[in-house]
Amino acid sequence: MPKISRKKILVAAGVVFFFILLWGITRSCGKSSKNSYEYEAVSLGKVEKTISVAGVLEVTDTYKVLAKTPGIVKHIYADFNQQVSRGQVLALLDSTDADQRLARIAAQIESARLELAIAAEDLESKKSMFADNLISEKGLERAEFNYKSVQLKQRQMQIDYSIASKARSDTRITAPVSGIVIAKNAEVNSPVPQHAPLFIIAPTLKRMKLTISIDESDIGLMKKGQKVTFTVSAFPDTTFRGAIDQVRITPVMKGGLVTYESIVMCENDELLLKPGMTATATIEIFKKENVLRVPNQAFLVSPMGIPRETEPDVVWKKSSQGKDGLPVVKVPVEIGQRGDNYTEIKKNLEKGDQVLIRYTRGSGD
């Protein structure tokens, strides 16, 4: 058997490689010389438009428990996340000053009561003496004036006692509603001024509100009742649902941009949502089910050599009746709603029609 030399093997391999390369180039050129048309069938399905926004979760209602009188915190009986009942004592302020004032006024009232009894007895005596012409009318008037003066003094002390009693009562900080404590701003032995917020109570966390920011270009699409879905980073696989309750018209200026706030009410039965969480929300502007539709891309594409029509409501349908060798014909259509991905078709197309959604011009044309 004759031995094949190394040189002959290399020559043969080079010839084979040349023919493979020539075949590849020819095939590639043949492909690129053809125009490419991509179609999608007209179908029945969903047409919807949505807006994506960000927002922050908050409790629906909160009640601030204020210090009605200044003082030093003596005891605290409530803490974060604690369930409390209406009227429950949350904290006590030092009531020493209030107790002393109340005792002092009580003693003054007792003294005034004795003075009033003496003044009343004196008045009765003066009336009897006046009847017997033993004193002048002026003497009787002085007795009457003294009685009324002491009586008025006693009434004023009763008012002072009521005020002091309320001040003492205000050293007891109680819950105005039943709910959960979501904030506590008091510490034992710390001084608090009048009207300082000591606790914040939320009646429930099972209903939350999501405050979202709407761009000024989209605010005209917003209305009460629109459905909203959202997620939070703590539970990325859970979709929460709500509805727009309020669309606010006060603009918010930030970084040269104008946005408007809208309030979304949502249920939180499982208590997964917490105040302050940030959310990524999707607002459903509209949704129509089981309507005739085409992809939005069908309104943006046109075949080779034909400029895009100025009117937007034209698509190109696959047809053997196309002019100038084109496999498509122009079809003006009547549209309904334009969604994020699809547009509703009302006339001139039927289910199953193939419409052009992408055209690639070959290099040979």
Foldseek 3Di string as FASTA:
>chain_A
DDDDDPVVVVVVVVVVVVVVVVVVVVVVQVVLQDKDFDWDFWAWWKFFAKDKFKWFKDFPDKDFQFQQAWAAWAFADDDAFDWDAFFAFGTFGDCVVLVVQLVVLVVVLVVLVVQLVVLVVVLVVVVVCVVVVNDDPVVNVVSVVSNVVSVVVNVVSVVVNVVSVVNSVSRGGGHNHTAGWHDADHDHRDIDHGGHGGTMGRRDPQKMKIKIKAFPVCLVLDDWFWKKWKDFPVCRPDIWIWTWHAWDDDWDDDPNTTITITMTMGGRNVVPDDGGTMIIMMTTSDMDTGAGKDWQLQQVDDEPPDDRDPDRQKGWWQDPPDPPPDRTDIWRFDWDDHHPTITGTDDDDDGGIITTRDMDRRPSD
